Amino acid sequence: MEVAARLQTSQSRVAKMEKADATVSSDLLLQSLFRLGLKRKELAGAI
C-alpha cells in the first residue's frame, strides 16, 4: 500500500507492474521509477 500511495496509483496497478503485465504502459513505469527516486542519469546508464 505504501508504494501505491507514493506512486499515486492503486495497489492492483502496482501488482501489475511487479508482474510485468503487458497492459502497463512504459510511461507509467518510467513515471513510477522517477517518483521512487530514480535519477535520469541512472536511467541513461541502464539503457
PDB file of N, CA and C in Angstrom:
ATOM      1  N   MET A   1       0.815  -1.192   0.000  1.00  0.00           N
ATOM      2  CA  MET A   1       0.000   0.000   0.000  1.00  0.00           C
ATOM      3  C   MET A   1       0.859   1.256   0.000  1.00  0.00           C
ATOM      4  N   GLU A   2       1.985   1.227   0.699  1.00  0.00           N
ATOM      5  CA  GLU A   2       2.852   2.405   0.775  1.00  0.00           C
ATOM      6  C   GLU A   2       3.387   2.789  -0.608  1.00  0.00           C
ATOM      7  N   VAL A   3       3.792   1.797  -1.376  1.00  0.00           N
ATOM      8  CA  VAL A   3       4.311   2.080  -2.715  1.00  0.00           C
ATOM      9  C   VAL A   3       3.197   2.665  -3.582  1.00  0.00           C
ATOM     10  N   ALA A   4       2.022   2.101  -3.512  1.00  0.00           N
ATOM     11  CA  ALA A   4       0.893   2.610  -4.298  1.00  0.00           C
ATOM     12  C   ALA A   4       0.594   4.059  -3.927  1.00  0.00           C
ATOM     13  N   ALA A   5       0.663   4.383  -2.666  1.00  0.00           N
ATOM     14  CA  ALA A   5       0.417   5.761  -2.230  1.00  0.00           C
ATOM     15  C   ALA A   5       1.497   6.696  -2.767  1.00  0.00           C
ATOM     16  N   ARG A   6       2.750   6.276  -2.705  1.00  0.00           N
ATOM     17  CA  ARG A   6       3.850   7.101  -3.225  1.00  0.00           C
ATOM     18  C   ARG A   6       3.733   7.312  -4.730  1.00  0.00           C
ATOM     19  N   LEU A   7       3.222   6.309  -5.422  1.00  0.00           N
ATOM     20  CA  LEU A   7       3.089   6.400  -6.872  1.00  0.00           C
ATOM     21  C   LEU A   7       1.766   7.027  -7.290  1.00  0.00           C
ATOM     22  N   GLN A   8       0.900   7.269  -6.323  1.00  0.00           N
ATOM     23  CA  GLN A   8      -0.427   7.834  -6.577  1.00  0.00           C
ATOM     24  C   GLN A   8      -1.212   6.971  -7.555  1.00  0.00           C
ATOM     25  N   THR A   9      -1.217   5.676  -7.278  1.00  0.00           N
ATOM     26  CA  THR A   9      -1.942   4.721  -8.106  1.00  0.00           C
ATOM     27  C   THR A   9      -2.522   3.641  -7.200  1.00  0.00           C
ATOM     28  N   SER A  10      -3.212   2.698  -7.774  1.00  0.00           N
ATOM     29  CA  SER A  10      -3.834   1.637  -6.983  1.00  0.00           C
ATOM     30  C   SER A  10      -2.857   0.493  -6.716  1.00  0.00           C
ATOM     31  N   GLN A  11      -3.173  -0.280  -5.694  1.00  0.00           N
ATOM     32  CA  GLN A  11      -2.360  -1.444  -5.354  1.00  0.00           C
ATOM     33  C   GLN A  11      -2.406  -2.476  -6.483  1.00  0.00           C
ATOM     34  N   SER A  12      -3.568  -2.586  -7.137  1.00  0.00           N
ATOM     35  CA  SER A  12      -3.672  -3.548  -8.236  1.00  0.00           C
ATOM     36  C   SER A  12      -2.772  -3.145  -9.405  1.00  0.00           C
ATOM     37  N   ARG A  13      -2.618  -1.844  -9.647  1.00  0.00           N
ATOM     38  CA  ARG A  13      -1.729  -1.373 -10.722  1.00  0.00           C
ATOM     39  C   ARG A  13      -0.277  -1.679 -10.359  1.00  0.00           C
ATOM     40  N   VAL A  14       0.085  -1.501  -9.090  1.00  0.00           N
ATOM     41  CA  VAL A  14       1.443  -1.828  -8.644  1.00  0.00           C
ATOM     42  C   VAL A  14       1.697  -3.324  -8.826  1.00  0.00           C
ATOM     43  N   ALA A  15       0.712  -4.134  -8.499  1.00  0.00           N
ATOM     44  CA  ALA A  15       0.859  -5.585  -8.675  1.00  0.00           C
ATOM     45  C   ALA A  15       1.081  -5.927 -10.142  1.00  0.00           C
ATOM     46  N   LYS A  16       0.372  -5.241 -11.037  1.00  0.00           N
ATOM     47  CA  LYS A  16       0.564  -5.482 -12.465  1.00  0.00           C
ATOM     48  C   LYS A  16       1.966  -5.071 -12.903  1.00  0.00           C
ATOM     49  N   MET A  17       2.468  -3.974 -12.365  1.00  0.00           N
ATOM     50  CA  MET A  17       3.838  -3.553 -12.700  1.00  0.00           C
ATOM     51  C   MET A  17       4.842  -4.584 -12.219  1.00  0.00           C
ATOM     52  N   GLU A  18       4.633  -5.106 -11.021  1.00  0.00           N
ATOM     53  CA  GLU A  18       5.547  -6.111 -10.461  1.00  0.00           C
ATOM     54  C   GLU A  18       5.564  -7.386 -11.288  1.00  0.00           C
ATOM     55  N   LYS A  19       4.419  -7.709 -11.894  1.00  0.00           N
ATOM     56  CA  LYS A  19       4.310  -8.925 -12.706  1.00  0.00           C
ATOM     57  C   LYS A  19       4.672  -8.686 -14.168  1.00  0.00           C
ATOM     58  N   ALA A  20       5.074  -7.448 -14.504  1.00  0.00           N
ATOM     59  CA  ALA A  20       5.412  -7.076 -15.880  1.00  0.00           C
ATOM     60  C   ALA A  20       4.237  -7.323 -16.821  1.00  0.00           C
ATOM     61  N   ASP A  21       3.050  -6.991 -16.351  1.00  0.00           N
ATOM     62  CA  ASP A  21       1.841  -7.127 -17.150  1.00  0.00           C
ATOM     63  C   ASP A  21       1.938  -6.230 -18.384  1.00  0.00           C
ATOM     64  N   ALA A  22       1.585  -6.762 -19.530  1.00  0.00           N
ATOM     65  CA  ALA A  22       1.698  -6.019 -20.791  1.00  0.00           C
ATOM     66  C   ALA A  22       0.749  -4.828 -20.879  1.00  0.00           C
ATOM     67  N   THR A  23      -0.251  -4.769 -20.005  1.00  0.00           N
ATOM     68  CA  THR A  23      -1.195  -3.652 -20.049  1.00  0.00           C
ATOM     69  C   THR A  23      -0.654  -2.393 -19.369  1.00  0.00           C
ATOM     70  N   VAL A  24       0.473  -2.508 -18.683  1.00  0.00           N
ATOM     71  CA  VAL A  24       1.082  -1.353 -18.020  1.00  0.00           C
ATOM     72  C   VAL A  24       1.943  -0.613 -19.034  1.00  0.00           C
ATOM     73  N   SER A  25       1.685   0.667 -19.196  1.00  0.00           N
ATOM     74  CA  SER A  25       2.420   1.446 -20.199  1.00  0.00           C
ATOM     75  C   SER A  25       3.850   1.739 -19.731  1.00  0.00           C
ATOM     76  N   SER A  26       4.727   1.909 -20.695  1.00  0.00           N
ATOM     77  CA  SER A  26       6.102   2.272 -20.362  1.00  0.00           C
ATOM     78  C   SER A  26       6.142   3.646 -19.707  1.00  0.00           C
ATOM     79  N   ASP A  27       5.216   4.523 -20.090  1.00  0.00           N
ATOM     80  CA  ASP A  27       5.123   5.849 -19.477  1.00  0.00           C
ATOM     81  C   ASP A  27       4.866   5.733 -17.981  1.00  0.00           C
ATOM     82  N   LEU A  28       3.923   4.884 -17.605  1.00  0.00           N
ATOM     83  CA  LEU A  28       3.619   4.691 -16.180  1.00  0.00           C
ATOM     84  C   LEU A  28       4.816   4.092 -15.452  1.00  0.00           C
ATOM     85  N   LEU A  29       5.488   3.146 -16.073  1.00  0.00           N
ATOM     86  CA  LEU A  29       6.662   2.535 -15.445  1.00  0.00           C
ATOM     87  C   LEU A  29       7.755   3.574 -15.195  1.00  0.00           C
ATOM     88  N   LEU A  30       8.021   4.413 -16.188  1.00  0.00           N
ATOM     89  CA  LEU A  30       9.056   5.440 -16.029  1.00  0.00           C
ATOM     90  C   LEU A  30       8.663   6.482 -14.985  1.00  0.00           C
ATOM     91  N   GLN A  31       7.419   6.937 -15.018  1.00  0.00           N
ATOM     92  CA  GLN A  31       6.952   7.891 -14.005  1.00  0.00           C
ATOM     93  C   GLN A  31       7.109   7.301 -12.606  1.00  0.00           C
ATOM     94  N   SER A  32       6.791   6.042 -12.466  1.00  0.00           N
ATOM     95  CA  SER A  32       6.890   5.371 -11.169  1.00  0.00           C
ATOM     96  C   SER A  32       8.334   5.306 -10.691  1.00  0.00           C
ATOM     97  N   LEU A  33       9.241   4.964 -11.588  1.00  0.00           N
ATOM     98  CA  LEU A  33      10.655   4.912 -11.212  1.00  0.00           C
ATOM     99  C   LEU A  33      11.162   6.272 -10.756  1.00  0.00           C
ATOM    100  N   PHE A  34      10.775   7.330 -11.465  1.00  0.00           N
ATOM    101  CA  PHE A  34      11.201   8.674 -11.076  1.00  0.00           C
ATOM    102  C   PHE A  34      10.604   9.080  -9.734  1.00  0.00           C
ATOM    103  N   ARG A  35       9.339   8.723  -9.488  1.00  0.00           N
ATOM    104  CA  ARG A  35       8.711   9.048  -8.196  1.00  0.00           C
ATOM    105  C   ARG A  35       9.367   8.293  -7.044  1.00  0.00           C
ATOM    106  N   LEU A  36       9.941   7.134  -7.351  1.00  0.00           N
ATOM    107  CA  LEU A  36      10.625   6.351  -6.318  1.00  0.00           C
ATOM    108  C   LEU A  36      12.089   6.772  -6.140  1.00  0.00           C
ATOM    109  N   GLY A  37      12.524   7.757  -6.930  1.00  0.00           N
ATOM    110  CA  GLY A  37      13.849   8.308  -6.708  1.00  0.00           C
ATOM    111  C   GLY A  37      14.890   8.064  -7.776  1.00  0.00           C
ATOM    112  N   LEU A  38      14.531   7.384  -8.864  1.00  0.00           N
ATOM    113  CA  LEU A  38      15.498   7.150  -9.928  1.00  0.00           C
ATOM    114  C   LEU A  38      15.881   8.478 -10.576  1.00  0.00           C
ATOM    115  N   LYS A  39      17.146   8.663 -10.818  1.00  0.00           N
ATOM    116  CA  LYS A  39      17.635   9.865 -11.488  1.00  0.00           C
ATOM    117  C   LYS A  39      17.739   9.586 -12.988  1.00  0.00           C
ATOM    118  N   ARG A  40      17.543  10.627 -13.779  1.00  0.00           N
ATOM    119  CA  ARG A  40      17.616  10.462 -15.240  1.00  0.00           C
ATOM    120  C   ARG A  40      18.970   9.918 -15.671  1.00  0.00           C
ATOM    121  N   LYS A  41      20.009  10.336 -15.011  1.00  0.00           N
ATOM    122  CA  LYS A  41      21.354   9.860 -15.341  1.00  0.00           C
ATOM    123  C   LYS A  41      21.472   8.359 -15.072  1.00  0.00           C
ATOM    124  N   GLU A  42      20.850   7.884 -14.005  1.00  0.00           N
ATOM    125  CA  GLU A  42      20.860   6.444 -13.701  1.00  0.00           C
ATOM    126  C   GLU A  42      20.122   5.660 -14.776  1.00  0.00           C
ATOM    127  N   LEU A  43      19.005   6.201 -15.222  1.00  0.00           N
ATOM    128  CA  LEU A  43      18.245   5.545 -16.281  1.00  0.00           C
ATOM    129  C   LEU A  43      19.058   5.473 -17.566  1.00  0.00           C
ATOM    130  N   ALA A  44      19.694   6.584 -17.913  1.00  0.00           N
ATOM    131  CA  ALA A  44      20.518   6.623 -19.114  1.00  0.00           C
ATOM    132  C   ALA A  44      21.645   5.596 -19.029  1.00  0.00           C
ATOM    133  N   GLY A  45      22.235   5.434 -17.859  1.00  0.00           N
ATOM    134  CA  GLY A  45      23.306   4.459 -17.682  1.00  0.00           C
ATOM    135  C   GLY A  45      22.817   3.025 -17.799  1.00  0.00           C
ATOM    136  N   ALA A  46      21.558   2.808 -17.453  1.00  0.00           N
ATOM    137  CA  ALA A  46      21.000   1.461 -17.501  1.00  0.00           C
ATOM    138  C   ALA A  46      20.630   1.027 -18.927  1.00  0.00           C
ATOM    139  N   ILE A  47      20.360   2.008 -19.772  1.00  0.00           N
ATOM    140  CA  ILE A  47      19.977   1.657 -21.146  1.00  0.00           C
ATOM    141  C   ILE A  47      21.141   1.974 -22.057  1.00  0.00           C
TER     142      ILE A  47
END
